[in-house]
Every structure is written in structure tokens, then in C-alpha cells.
N, C-alpha and C. Protein backbone atom coordinates (compact mmCIF):
# COMPACT_ATOMS: atom_id res chain seq x y z
N MET A 1 130.16 102.68 77.70
CA MET A 1 131.60 102.51 77.67
C MET A 1 132.03 101.59 78.80
N VAL A 2 133.07 100.80 78.53
CA VAL A 2 133.58 99.85 79.51
C VAL A 2 135.09 100.02 79.63
N HIS A 3 135.57 100.15 80.86
CA HIS A 3 137.00 100.16 81.15
C HIS A 3 137.31 98.95 82.02
N GLU A 4 138.43 98.30 81.80
CA GLU A 4 138.74 97.10 82.57
C GLU A 4 140.24 97.00 82.86
N PRO A 5 140.78 97.88 83.73
CA PRO A 5 142.19 97.79 84.08
C PRO A 5 142.47 96.58 84.98
N SER A 6 143.69 96.07 84.91
CA SER A 6 144.11 94.97 85.78
C SER A 6 144.55 95.53 87.13
N ILE A 7 144.27 94.81 88.20
CA ILE A 7 144.64 95.23 89.54
C ILE A 7 145.17 94.03 90.30
N ARG A 8 145.82 94.30 91.44
CA ARG A 8 146.31 93.24 92.30
C ARG A 8 145.61 93.33 93.65
N LEU A 9 145.15 92.20 94.14
CA LEU A 9 144.47 92.13 95.43
C LEU A 9 145.32 91.33 96.39
N LEU A 10 145.39 91.80 97.64
CA LEU A 10 146.08 91.05 98.67
C LEU A 10 145.14 89.99 99.22
N GLY A 11 145.58 88.75 99.27
CA GLY A 11 144.71 87.65 99.69
C GLY A 11 145.15 87.01 100.98
N GLY A 12 144.73 87.54 102.11
CA GLY A 12 145.00 86.88 103.38
C GLY A 12 146.24 87.40 104.07
N PRO A 13 146.51 86.90 105.29
CA PRO A 13 147.64 87.39 106.08
C PRO A 13 149.00 87.02 105.51
N ASP A 14 149.03 86.02 104.63
CA ASP A 14 150.32 85.62 104.07
C ASP A 14 150.78 86.56 102.95
N GLY A 15 149.96 87.54 102.61
CA GLY A 15 150.37 88.52 101.62
C GLY A 15 150.32 88.07 100.19
N ARG A 16 149.62 86.99 99.91
CA ARG A 16 149.52 86.52 98.54
C ARG A 16 148.78 87.54 97.68
N LYS A 17 149.16 87.66 96.43
CA LYS A 17 148.54 88.62 95.54
C LYS A 17 147.72 87.89 94.47
N LEU A 18 146.55 88.43 94.21
CA LEU A 18 145.65 87.85 93.22
C LEU A 18 145.46 88.85 92.10
N MET A 19 145.73 88.44 90.90
CA MET A 19 145.48 89.30 89.75
C MET A 19 143.99 89.27 89.41
N ALA A 20 143.43 90.43 89.17
CA ALA A 20 142.01 90.54 88.87
C ALA A 20 141.79 91.70 87.90
N ARG A 21 140.55 91.85 87.50
CA ARG A 21 140.16 92.98 86.66
C ARG A 21 139.08 93.78 87.37
N ARG A 22 139.16 95.09 87.26
CA ARG A 22 138.07 95.94 87.72
C ARG A 22 137.33 96.46 86.49
N VAL A 23 136.18 95.86 86.24
CA VAL A 23 135.39 96.25 85.08
C VAL A 23 134.51 97.43 85.47
N THR A 24 134.68 98.55 84.80
CA THR A 24 133.91 99.75 85.06
C THR A 24 132.97 99.98 83.89
N LEU A 25 131.68 99.98 84.16
CA LEU A 25 130.66 100.19 83.13
C LEU A 25 130.10 101.60 83.31
N VAL A 26 130.31 102.45 82.31
CA VAL A 26 129.78 103.81 82.32
C VAL A 26 128.36 103.76 81.77
N LEU A 27 127.39 104.15 82.59
CA LEU A 27 125.97 104.01 82.24
C LEU A 27 125.49 105.19 81.41
N ASP A 28 124.63 104.89 80.45
CA ASP A 28 123.98 105.96 79.69
C ASP A 28 122.90 106.63 80.54
N VAL A 29 122.25 105.84 81.39
CA VAL A 29 121.21 106.35 82.27
C VAL A 29 121.61 106.02 83.71
N PRO A 30 121.63 106.99 84.61
CA PRO A 30 122.03 106.72 85.99
C PRO A 30 121.07 105.75 86.67
N THR A 31 121.57 105.06 87.70
CA THR A 31 120.72 104.17 88.48
C THR A 31 119.76 105.01 89.32
N ARG A 32 118.83 104.33 90.00
CA ARG A 32 117.87 105.07 90.82
C ARG A 32 118.54 105.77 91.99
N ASP A 33 119.78 105.36 92.33
CA ASP A 33 120.54 106.03 93.38
C ASP A 33 121.43 107.14 92.84
N GLY A 34 121.35 107.39 91.52
CA GLY A 34 122.12 108.46 90.93
C GLY A 34 123.52 108.08 90.51
N GLU A 35 123.87 106.79 90.58
CA GLU A 35 125.21 106.37 90.20
C GLU A 35 125.33 106.30 88.68
N THR A 36 126.47 106.77 88.17
CA THR A 36 126.69 106.78 86.73
C THR A 36 127.66 105.71 86.28
N GLU A 37 128.25 104.97 87.23
CA GLU A 37 129.19 103.92 86.90
C GLU A 37 128.96 102.71 87.79
N LEU A 38 129.23 101.52 87.24
CA LEU A 38 129.22 100.28 88.00
C LEU A 38 130.64 99.71 87.99
N HIS A 39 131.14 99.33 89.16
CA HIS A 39 132.48 98.76 89.28
C HIS A 39 132.35 97.31 89.73
N ILE A 40 132.95 96.39 88.96
CA ILE A 40 132.83 94.96 89.22
C ILE A 40 134.22 94.35 89.24
N LEU A 41 134.52 93.59 90.30
CA LEU A 41 135.79 92.88 90.38
C LEU A 41 135.59 91.44 89.93
N THR A 42 136.51 90.94 89.11
CA THR A 42 136.43 89.55 88.63
C THR A 42 137.83 89.01 88.42
N ASP A 43 137.99 87.70 88.67
CA ASP A 43 139.28 87.05 88.39
C ASP A 43 139.25 86.33 87.04
N LEU A 44 138.19 86.50 86.28
CA LEU A 44 138.12 85.93 84.93
C LEU A 44 139.01 86.72 83.98
N THR A 45 139.68 86.02 83.10
CA THR A 45 140.52 86.68 82.11
C THR A 45 139.66 87.23 80.98
N ARG A 46 140.25 88.09 80.16
CA ARG A 46 139.53 88.65 79.03
C ARG A 46 139.18 87.56 78.01
N GLU A 47 140.02 86.53 77.96
CA GLU A 47 139.72 85.43 77.04
C GLU A 47 138.52 84.62 77.51
N GLU A 48 138.33 84.54 78.84
CA GLU A 48 137.19 83.77 79.38
C GLU A 48 135.88 84.54 79.27
N LEU A 49 135.93 85.84 79.53
CA LEU A 49 134.70 86.64 79.48
C LEU A 49 135.08 88.10 79.24
N GLU A 50 134.54 88.65 78.16
CA GLU A 50 134.81 90.03 77.81
C GLU A 50 134.13 90.98 78.80
N GLY A 51 134.66 92.19 78.91
CA GLY A 51 134.20 93.13 79.93
C GLY A 51 132.71 93.42 79.87
N ARG A 52 132.17 93.63 78.69
CA ARG A 52 130.74 93.93 78.56
C ARG A 52 129.89 92.74 79.01
N GLU A 53 130.38 91.53 78.73
CA GLU A 53 129.63 90.35 79.16
C GLU A 53 129.67 90.22 80.68
N VAL A 54 130.81 90.57 81.30
CA VAL A 54 130.89 90.56 82.76
C VAL A 54 129.85 91.51 83.36
N ALA A 55 129.76 92.71 82.77
CA ALA A 55 128.79 93.69 83.27
C ALA A 55 127.36 93.21 83.09
N ASN A 56 127.06 92.61 81.94
CA ASN A 56 125.70 92.13 81.69
C ASN A 56 125.32 91.00 82.65
N VAL A 57 126.27 90.08 82.89
CA VAL A 57 125.99 88.98 83.82
C VAL A 57 125.75 89.52 85.22
N TYR A 58 126.55 90.49 85.63
CA TYR A 58 126.39 91.06 86.97
C TYR A 58 125.04 91.74 87.12
N ARG A 59 124.63 92.47 86.10
CA ARG A 59 123.36 93.20 86.19
C ARG A 59 122.17 92.24 86.24
N THR A 60 122.29 91.07 85.57
CA THR A 60 121.17 90.12 85.60
C THR A 60 121.07 89.40 86.94
N ARG A 61 122.12 89.48 87.79
CA ARG A 61 122.03 88.79 89.08
C ARG A 61 120.94 89.40 89.95
N TRP A 62 120.56 90.65 89.66
CA TRP A 62 119.50 91.25 90.46
C TRP A 62 118.16 90.55 90.25
N THR A 63 117.99 89.88 89.11
CA THR A 63 116.77 89.10 88.93
C THR A 63 116.70 87.97 89.96
N LEU A 64 117.87 87.38 90.31
CA LEU A 64 117.90 86.35 91.35
C LEU A 64 117.64 86.95 92.71
N GLU A 65 118.21 88.13 92.98
CA GLU A 65 117.98 88.79 94.26
C GLU A 65 116.49 89.09 94.44
N ILE A 66 115.86 89.58 93.39
CA ILE A 66 114.43 89.89 93.46
C ILE A 66 113.61 88.63 93.64
N ALA A 67 114.02 87.54 92.96
CA ALA A 67 113.29 86.27 93.09
C ALA A 67 113.34 85.77 94.54
N PHE A 68 114.51 85.81 95.17
CA PHE A 68 114.61 85.36 96.55
C PHE A 68 113.86 86.29 97.50
N SER A 69 113.79 87.57 97.16
CA SER A 69 112.99 88.49 97.96
C SER A 69 111.52 88.11 97.91
N HIS A 70 111.01 87.75 96.71
CA HIS A 70 109.62 87.30 96.59
C HIS A 70 109.40 85.99 97.37
N LEU A 71 110.38 85.09 97.29
CA LEU A 71 110.25 83.82 98.02
C LEU A 71 110.12 84.06 99.51
N THR A 72 110.88 85.02 100.03
CA THR A 72 110.89 85.27 101.46
C THR A 72 109.67 86.04 101.92
N THR A 73 109.32 87.12 101.21
CA THR A 73 108.26 88.02 101.68
C THR A 73 106.88 87.63 101.16
N ASP A 74 106.77 87.37 99.85
CA ASP A 74 105.45 87.11 99.26
C ASP A 74 104.98 85.68 99.51
N LEU A 75 105.90 84.71 99.33
CA LEU A 75 105.52 83.30 99.42
C LEU A 75 105.89 82.66 100.76
N GLN A 76 106.56 83.43 101.64
CA GLN A 76 106.86 83.00 103.01
C GLN A 76 107.51 81.62 103.04
N SER A 77 108.56 81.46 102.25
CA SER A 77 109.23 80.16 102.19
C SER A 77 110.18 79.94 103.37
N GLU A 78 110.58 81.02 104.06
CA GLU A 78 111.46 80.88 105.22
C GLU A 78 110.63 80.93 106.50
N ILE A 79 110.02 79.80 106.83
CA ILE A 79 109.19 79.71 108.04
C ILE A 79 110.10 79.50 109.24
N GLN A 80 109.98 80.36 110.25
CA GLN A 80 110.90 80.33 111.38
C GLN A 80 110.83 79.02 112.16
N THR A 81 109.66 78.40 112.23
CA THR A 81 109.52 77.19 113.03
C THR A 81 110.10 75.95 112.37
N LEU A 82 110.49 76.05 111.10
CA LEU A 82 111.09 74.90 110.42
C LEU A 82 112.58 74.85 110.76
N GLY A 83 112.87 74.41 111.98
CA GLY A 83 114.24 74.42 112.45
C GLY A 83 115.10 73.31 111.88
N TYR A 84 114.50 72.18 111.51
CA TYR A 84 115.29 71.06 110.97
C TYR A 84 115.67 71.36 109.53
N PRO A 85 116.93 71.16 109.17
CA PRO A 85 117.37 71.48 107.79
C PRO A 85 116.53 70.82 106.71
N PRO A 86 116.16 69.51 106.81
CA PRO A 86 115.33 68.93 105.74
C PRO A 86 113.98 69.63 105.61
N ALA A 87 113.39 70.02 106.75
CA ALA A 87 112.09 70.70 106.69
C ALA A 87 112.24 72.08 106.05
N ALA A 88 113.31 72.79 106.41
CA ALA A 88 113.54 74.11 105.82
C ALA A 88 113.80 74.00 104.32
N LEU A 89 114.55 72.97 103.92
CA LEU A 89 114.82 72.76 102.50
C LEU A 89 113.54 72.43 101.74
N PHE A 90 112.67 71.63 102.37
CA PHE A 90 111.40 71.30 101.74
C PHE A 90 110.54 72.55 101.58
N GLY A 91 110.52 73.40 102.62
CA GLY A 91 109.76 74.65 102.53
C GLY A 91 110.28 75.54 101.42
N LEU A 92 111.62 75.60 101.26
CA LEU A 92 112.19 76.40 100.18
C LEU A 92 111.81 75.83 98.82
N ALA A 93 111.83 74.49 98.69
CA ALA A 93 111.47 73.86 97.42
C ALA A 93 110.02 74.16 97.05
N VAL A 94 109.13 74.09 98.04
CA VAL A 94 107.71 74.41 97.78
C VAL A 94 107.58 75.87 97.37
N GLY A 95 108.34 76.75 98.03
CA GLY A 95 108.30 78.16 97.67
C GLY A 95 108.76 78.40 96.25
N ILE A 96 109.80 77.68 95.81
CA ILE A 96 110.30 77.85 94.44
C ILE A 96 109.27 77.38 93.42
N VAL A 97 108.58 76.28 93.73
CA VAL A 97 107.51 75.81 92.83
C VAL A 97 106.41 76.86 92.74
N ALA A 98 106.03 77.42 93.91
CA ALA A 98 105.00 78.46 93.90
C ALA A 98 105.46 79.70 93.14
N TYR A 99 106.75 80.03 93.26
CA TYR A 99 107.29 81.18 92.53
C TYR A 99 107.20 80.95 91.02
N ASN A 100 107.49 79.72 90.58
CA ASN A 100 107.37 79.41 89.15
C ASN A 100 105.94 79.57 88.67
N LEU A 101 104.98 79.18 89.51
CA LEU A 101 103.57 79.33 89.14
C LEU A 101 103.18 80.80 89.03
N VAL A 102 103.62 81.61 90.01
CA VAL A 102 103.32 83.04 89.94
C VAL A 102 103.99 83.67 88.72
N SER A 103 105.22 83.22 88.40
CA SER A 103 105.92 83.73 87.22
C SER A 103 105.16 83.38 85.95
N THR A 104 104.55 82.18 85.92
CA THR A 104 103.75 81.78 84.76
C THR A 104 102.52 82.66 84.63
N MET A 105 101.90 82.99 85.77
CA MET A 105 100.75 83.90 85.75
C MET A 105 101.15 85.26 85.17
N LYS A 106 102.29 85.78 85.64
CA LYS A 106 102.75 87.08 85.15
C LYS A 106 103.11 87.01 83.66
N ALA A 107 103.69 85.88 83.24
CA ALA A 107 104.04 85.73 81.82
C ALA A 107 102.79 85.74 80.96
N SER A 108 101.72 85.14 81.43
CA SER A 108 100.46 85.14 80.67
C SER A 108 99.92 86.56 80.54
N ILE A 109 100.00 87.31 81.63
CA ILE A 109 99.54 88.70 81.59
C ILE A 109 100.44 89.54 80.70
N ARG A 110 101.76 89.27 80.76
CA ARG A 110 102.69 90.01 79.91
C ARG A 110 102.42 89.74 78.43
N ALA A 111 102.12 88.48 78.10
CA ALA A 111 101.84 88.14 76.70
C ALA A 111 100.56 88.79 76.21
N GLU A 112 99.61 89.01 77.11
CA GLU A 112 98.31 89.54 76.71
C GLU A 112 98.24 91.06 76.80
N HIS A 113 98.91 91.64 77.82
CA HIS A 113 98.77 93.08 78.07
C HIS A 113 100.08 93.86 77.91
N GLY A 114 101.21 93.16 77.74
CA GLY A 114 102.48 93.86 77.55
C GLY A 114 103.33 93.88 78.82
N ARG A 115 104.63 94.05 78.63
CA ARG A 115 105.58 94.04 79.75
C ARG A 115 105.34 95.20 80.71
N GLU A 116 104.99 96.36 80.18
CA GLU A 116 104.79 97.53 81.05
C GLU A 116 103.73 97.26 82.11
N VAL A 117 102.69 96.53 81.73
CA VAL A 117 101.63 96.20 82.68
C VAL A 117 102.09 95.15 83.67
N SER A 118 102.71 94.07 83.18
CA SER A 118 103.10 92.97 84.07
C SER A 118 104.17 93.40 85.07
N ASP A 119 105.07 94.32 84.67
CA ASP A 119 106.13 94.76 85.57
C ASP A 119 105.59 95.58 86.74
N HIS A 120 104.38 96.08 86.63
CA HIS A 120 103.80 96.89 87.70
C HIS A 120 102.78 96.12 88.53
N LEU A 121 102.79 94.79 88.41
CA LEU A 121 101.91 93.97 89.22
C LEU A 121 102.63 93.56 90.51
N SER A 122 101.88 93.49 91.59
CA SER A 122 102.44 93.13 92.89
C SER A 122 102.41 91.62 93.08
N GLY A 123 103.60 91.02 93.24
CA GLY A 123 103.66 89.59 93.50
C GLY A 123 103.02 89.23 94.82
N TYR A 124 103.16 90.10 95.81
CA TYR A 124 102.55 89.84 97.13
C TYR A 124 101.03 89.81 97.02
N THR A 125 100.46 90.78 96.32
CA THR A 125 99.00 90.84 96.19
C THR A 125 98.47 89.63 95.43
N MET A 126 99.17 89.20 94.40
CA MET A 126 98.74 88.04 93.63
C MET A 126 98.82 86.77 94.48
N ALA A 127 99.92 86.61 95.23
CA ALA A 127 100.06 85.43 96.08
C ALA A 127 99.00 85.42 97.17
N HIS A 128 98.70 86.58 97.72
CA HIS A 128 97.66 86.67 98.77
C HIS A 128 96.29 86.32 98.20
N GLU A 129 96.02 86.74 96.98
CA GLU A 129 94.74 86.43 96.35
C GLU A 129 94.57 84.93 96.16
N VAL A 130 95.63 84.27 95.68
CA VAL A 130 95.55 82.82 95.47
C VAL A 130 95.37 82.10 96.79
N ALA A 131 96.13 82.50 97.82
CA ALA A 131 96.06 81.84 99.13
C ALA A 131 94.69 82.01 99.78
N SER A 132 94.09 83.18 99.61
CA SER A 132 92.82 83.46 100.28
C SER A 132 91.61 82.84 99.57
N THR A 133 91.72 82.59 98.26
CA THR A 133 90.57 82.06 97.52
C THR A 133 90.71 80.58 97.16
N TYR A 134 91.87 79.98 97.49
CA TYR A 134 92.13 78.60 97.07
C TYR A 134 91.10 77.63 97.65
N GLN A 135 90.84 77.72 98.94
CA GLN A 135 89.93 76.76 99.58
C GLN A 135 88.53 76.82 98.96
N GLY A 136 88.02 78.02 98.75
CA GLY A 136 86.70 78.14 98.14
C GLY A 136 86.68 77.66 96.71
N MET A 137 87.78 77.90 95.98
CA MET A 137 87.85 77.46 94.59
C MET A 137 87.82 75.93 94.52
N MET A 138 88.51 75.26 95.45
CA MET A 138 88.54 73.80 95.43
C MET A 138 87.19 73.20 95.79
N VAL A 139 86.35 73.96 96.52
CA VAL A 139 84.99 73.49 96.80
C VAL A 139 84.13 73.61 95.55
N ALA A 140 84.25 74.77 94.86
CA ALA A 140 83.46 74.99 93.66
C ALA A 140 83.96 74.17 92.48
N LEU A 141 85.28 73.98 92.40
CA LEU A 141 85.90 73.23 91.31
C LEU A 141 86.80 72.16 91.89
N PRO A 142 86.28 70.98 92.22
CA PRO A 142 87.10 69.92 92.81
C PRO A 142 88.17 69.43 91.83
N PRO A 143 89.15 68.66 92.31
CA PRO A 143 90.26 68.22 91.46
C PRO A 143 89.82 67.51 90.19
N GLU A 144 88.67 66.84 90.21
CA GLU A 144 88.21 66.13 89.02
C GLU A 144 88.03 67.07 87.83
N GLU A 145 87.72 68.34 88.14
CA GLU A 145 87.51 69.32 87.07
C GLU A 145 88.81 69.72 86.39
N TRP A 146 89.95 69.43 87.04
CA TRP A 146 91.24 69.90 86.53
C TRP A 146 92.09 68.78 85.93
N LYS A 147 91.71 67.53 86.15
CA LYS A 147 92.57 66.42 85.75
C LYS A 147 92.87 66.40 84.26
N HIS A 148 91.88 66.75 83.44
CA HIS A 148 92.08 66.68 81.99
C HIS A 148 93.13 67.67 81.50
N MET A 149 93.41 68.72 82.30
CA MET A 149 94.38 69.73 81.88
C MET A 149 95.80 69.17 81.90
N GLY A 150 96.02 68.07 82.63
CA GLY A 150 97.34 67.47 82.65
C GLY A 150 97.73 66.85 81.32
N ASP A 151 96.78 66.62 80.47
CA ASP A 151 97.07 66.04 79.15
C ASP A 151 97.22 67.09 78.06
N TRP A 152 97.09 68.36 78.41
CA TRP A 152 97.16 69.42 77.40
C TRP A 152 98.59 69.60 76.90
N GLU A 153 98.71 70.00 75.64
CA GLU A 153 99.99 70.41 75.08
C GLU A 153 100.32 71.83 75.55
N PRO A 154 101.60 72.21 75.55
CA PRO A 154 101.96 73.56 75.99
C PRO A 154 101.21 74.67 75.25
N GLU A 155 101.00 74.49 73.95
CA GLU A 155 100.29 75.52 73.19
C GLU A 155 98.86 75.68 73.68
N GLN A 156 98.21 74.55 73.98
CA GLN A 156 96.83 74.61 74.47
C GLN A 156 96.76 75.27 75.84
N MET A 157 97.72 74.94 76.72
CA MET A 157 97.76 75.55 78.04
C MET A 157 98.03 77.04 77.93
N GLY A 158 98.93 77.43 77.00
CA GLY A 158 99.23 78.84 76.83
C GLY A 158 98.02 79.64 76.39
N LEU A 159 97.24 79.10 75.45
CA LEU A 159 96.04 79.79 75.00
C LEU A 159 95.02 79.93 76.12
N TYR A 160 94.91 78.88 76.94
CA TYR A 160 93.97 78.93 78.06
C TYR A 160 94.38 80.00 79.07
N LEU A 161 95.68 80.06 79.38
CA LEU A 161 96.16 81.04 80.36
C LEU A 161 96.01 82.46 79.83
N ARG A 162 96.23 82.66 78.54
CA ARG A 162 96.05 83.99 77.98
C ARG A 162 94.57 84.40 78.01
N GLY A 163 93.69 83.42 77.85
CA GLY A 163 92.27 83.71 77.97
C GLY A 163 91.91 84.14 79.38
N LEU A 164 92.52 83.50 80.39
CA LEU A 164 92.29 83.92 81.76
C LEU A 164 92.89 85.30 82.02
N ALA A 165 94.05 85.57 81.41
CA ALA A 165 94.73 86.85 81.63
C ALA A 165 93.87 88.02 81.14
N ARG A 166 93.06 87.80 80.12
CA ARG A 166 92.21 88.88 79.61
C ARG A 166 91.16 89.30 80.64
N GLN A 167 90.84 88.41 81.57
CA GLN A 167 89.78 88.67 82.53
C GLN A 167 90.30 89.18 83.88
N VAL A 168 91.61 89.35 84.00
CA VAL A 168 92.18 89.79 85.27
C VAL A 168 91.87 91.26 85.50
N ASN A 169 91.46 91.58 86.73
CA ASN A 169 91.22 92.97 87.12
C ASN A 169 92.57 93.58 87.48
N LEU A 170 93.26 94.11 86.49
CA LEU A 170 94.64 94.56 86.64
C LEU A 170 94.83 95.64 87.71
N PRO A 171 93.97 96.67 87.78
CA PRO A 171 94.19 97.70 88.81
C PRO A 171 94.19 97.13 90.23
N ARG A 172 93.53 96.02 90.43
CA ARG A 172 93.47 95.43 91.77
C ARG A 172 94.82 94.90 92.23
N PHE A 173 95.69 94.56 91.29
CA PHE A 173 96.96 93.93 91.64
C PHE A 173 98.16 94.83 91.35
N LYS A 174 97.93 96.12 91.19
CA LYS A 174 99.03 97.03 90.92
C LYS A 174 99.89 97.23 92.16
N LYS A 175 101.18 97.43 91.93
CA LYS A 175 102.09 97.72 93.04
C LYS A 175 101.73 99.07 93.65
N ALA A 176 101.96 99.18 94.95
CA ALA A 176 101.77 100.46 95.62
C ALA A 176 102.91 101.39 95.21
N VAL A 177 102.53 102.61 94.88
CA VAL A 177 103.52 103.60 94.45
C VAL A 177 103.90 104.45 95.66
N ARG A 178 105.19 104.45 95.93
CA ARG A 178 105.68 105.23 97.07
C ARG A 178 105.77 106.69 96.70
N GLY A 179 105.22 107.53 97.56
CA GLY A 179 105.28 108.96 97.31
C GLY A 179 106.64 109.55 97.65
N LEU A 180 106.80 110.83 97.36
CA LEU A 180 108.04 111.50 97.66
C LEU A 180 108.23 111.63 99.17
N LYS A 181 109.48 111.49 99.59
CA LYS A 181 109.76 111.66 101.02
C LYS A 181 109.53 113.10 101.42
N LYS A 182 108.91 113.28 102.60
CA LYS A 182 108.71 114.62 103.10
C LYS A 182 110.03 115.16 103.65
N PRO A 183 110.33 116.41 103.39
CA PRO A 183 111.57 116.98 103.93
C PRO A 183 111.52 117.02 105.45
N ARG A 184 112.66 116.80 106.05
CA ARG A 184 112.72 116.81 107.51
C ARG A 184 112.44 118.21 108.04
N THR A 185 111.58 118.27 109.06
CA THR A 185 111.24 119.56 109.66
C THR A 185 112.44 120.10 110.42
N PRO A 186 112.91 121.29 110.08
CA PRO A 186 114.07 121.84 110.79
C PRO A 186 113.74 122.14 112.24
N ARG A 187 114.72 121.96 113.09
CA ARG A 187 114.53 122.28 114.49
C ARG A 187 114.45 123.79 114.69
N THR A 188 113.55 124.16 115.54
CA THR A 188 113.41 125.58 115.85
C THR A 188 113.77 125.81 117.30
N SER A 189 114.37 126.92 117.56
CA SER A 189 114.74 127.27 118.93
C SER A 189 113.95 128.48 119.39
N VAL A 190 113.70 128.55 120.67
CA VAL A 190 112.96 129.68 121.23
C VAL A 190 113.95 130.81 121.49
N PRO A 191 113.71 131.98 120.92
CA PRO A 191 114.65 133.10 121.13
C PRO A 191 114.84 133.41 122.61
N GLY A 192 116.09 133.56 123.03
CA GLY A 192 116.39 133.93 124.40
C GLY A 192 116.39 132.79 125.39
N LYS A 193 116.06 131.55 124.93
CA LYS A 193 116.02 130.40 125.83
C LYS A 193 116.89 129.29 125.24
N ASN A 194 117.98 129.00 125.94
CA ASN A 194 118.85 127.93 125.50
C ASN A 194 118.44 126.61 126.15
N HIS A 195 118.75 125.52 125.48
CA HIS A 195 118.44 124.21 126.03
C HIS A 195 119.35 123.91 127.22
N VAL A 196 118.74 123.39 128.29
CA VAL A 196 119.48 123.01 129.48
C VAL A 196 119.21 121.54 129.76
N SER A 197 120.25 120.76 130.00
CA SER A 197 120.07 119.33 130.24
C SER A 197 119.38 119.09 131.56
N THR A 198 118.71 117.96 131.67
CA THR A 198 118.01 117.58 132.90
C THR A 198 118.99 117.43 134.06
N ALA A 199 120.18 116.91 133.77
CA ALA A 199 121.19 116.72 134.82
C ALA A 199 121.57 118.06 135.45
N ARG A 200 121.70 119.11 134.65
CA ARG A 200 122.04 120.42 135.18
C ARG A 200 120.92 120.98 136.04
N LEU A 201 119.67 120.76 135.63
CA LEU A 201 118.54 121.23 136.41
C LEU A 201 118.48 120.55 137.77
N LEU A 202 118.72 119.24 137.81
CA LEU A 202 118.70 118.50 139.06
C LEU A 202 119.84 118.95 139.98
N LEU A 203 121.03 119.18 139.40
CA LEU A 203 122.18 119.62 140.18
C LEU A 203 121.93 121.01 140.77
N ALA A 204 121.30 121.90 139.95
CA ALA A 204 121.03 123.26 140.45
C ALA A 204 120.03 123.22 141.60
N LYS A 205 119.04 122.34 141.51
CA LYS A 205 118.05 122.25 142.57
C LYS A 205 118.66 121.68 143.85
N LYS A 206 119.58 120.71 143.66
CA LYS A 206 120.22 120.07 144.82
C LYS A 206 121.15 121.03 145.55
N THR A 207 121.87 121.85 144.77
CA THR A 207 122.84 122.77 145.40
C THR A 207 122.24 124.14 145.71
N GLY A 208 121.00 124.36 145.25
CA GLY A 208 120.38 125.64 145.53
C GLY A 208 120.88 126.77 144.66
N THR A 209 121.56 126.43 143.56
CA THR A 209 122.06 127.44 142.63
C THR A 209 121.08 127.60 141.47
N LYS A 210 121.37 128.59 140.66
CA LYS A 210 120.51 128.86 139.50
C LYS A 210 121.06 128.14 138.29
N ALA A 211 120.17 127.46 137.61
CA ALA A 211 120.60 126.72 136.40
C ALA A 211 121.02 127.70 135.32
N PRO A 212 122.09 127.41 134.57
CA PRO A 212 122.55 128.31 133.51
C PRO A 212 121.53 128.37 132.37
């Protein structure tokens, strides 16, 4: 179910008002945080984009968030020493190309083994495997061995990648499953003994009195 009442937003110190919509999407299945509704603010009119479409577009934005997370953590595209903007932009561009390659690898596995399997593969583990074995692979298979693949049609490349996907050791690249959080251990107090601050103990020793 979708509700989309109109609301007014105050815009800045001059008190200007902006007409907007609050699109509320009632979920059939709660999110992992237990939320049963999503609330989205938009200045698009109903004629420009219907409420359900607004909700669908918003939910797909998480695919971009996840992609940039992989770029940062798995492919290390944000190198701290690249202080010059052109160098940082070049590093990001290289990271995006690498992300497309990893996505192609996952798509091949998805086509061969199904989405359930590919969704549980670790992008970090796959990127680490490629980075650690690349140098040795280029010694065993120099660039001359790969040049002919540049002339392949997409269908031929797809069949080749699916053939490689059949040979992947899938358990090796599975995501780590986080266990349940342990409950916090409750604090216990010693019967008949109350906590006394260090400051009180020092003051009692200095004045020769007994600490409470």
C-alpha cells in the first residue's frame, strides 16, 4: 500500500514554503531493522512520477550505495595519497572499470548457478583473489594468449565465461555470515559493598577520615 499526502516544507530563513509529497510505502515484509514503512519526500508531482514508482526508484538507489561501498572497501579506489583531484578522479575511474569486471564475473556465476548463489559471494574475496594471482597468471599466460579474445562476439564471450563459472570453487568465495550478537553481561554488585569513587578515597586518606 502507498499513501502520498501533500505537505509544506519551510525553505530557509526567509520562510519560503515548498510544496512536496510524503510517499509512505507500507511493506509486506519488514526491513532487516524491523521497519514496516518507508517514508520518502519528493517535490515531483503525481503527473511526473506516481507514488509507487517513487518508492521503487528510491529502493533501487541502495544498489548504487552498495556499488560505491565495494569501490571503496573491496577495490580501494579512494587512495589517501592521491591528493590531486585529477589523480583521485583517475583512481575512481579505474575502480569503476574494475567494478564492472567483477560484476561481469558475478553475472557469469549467476547465469550458471543462479541468483541465490551469486548474491552470497564476497566481492572483497573475489577482488583479493584476482589481485593476488594476477602477476603469476600473466607469467603463465602472457598477453599474446589473450589478444584473440578481443575479436570475440558477445555470445562467444558469454559462453566462455559461463564455462569458467562452472569451475569456480564457490564455497571459497562465500560471504562471512555474522553470528547472533551476544547479550550484554549484566553488572553485578557485591552485597554489602557500595562503589566508592577514587576521589573520595583520596580525600578520606588526606583528611584522615573514613571513606563512606
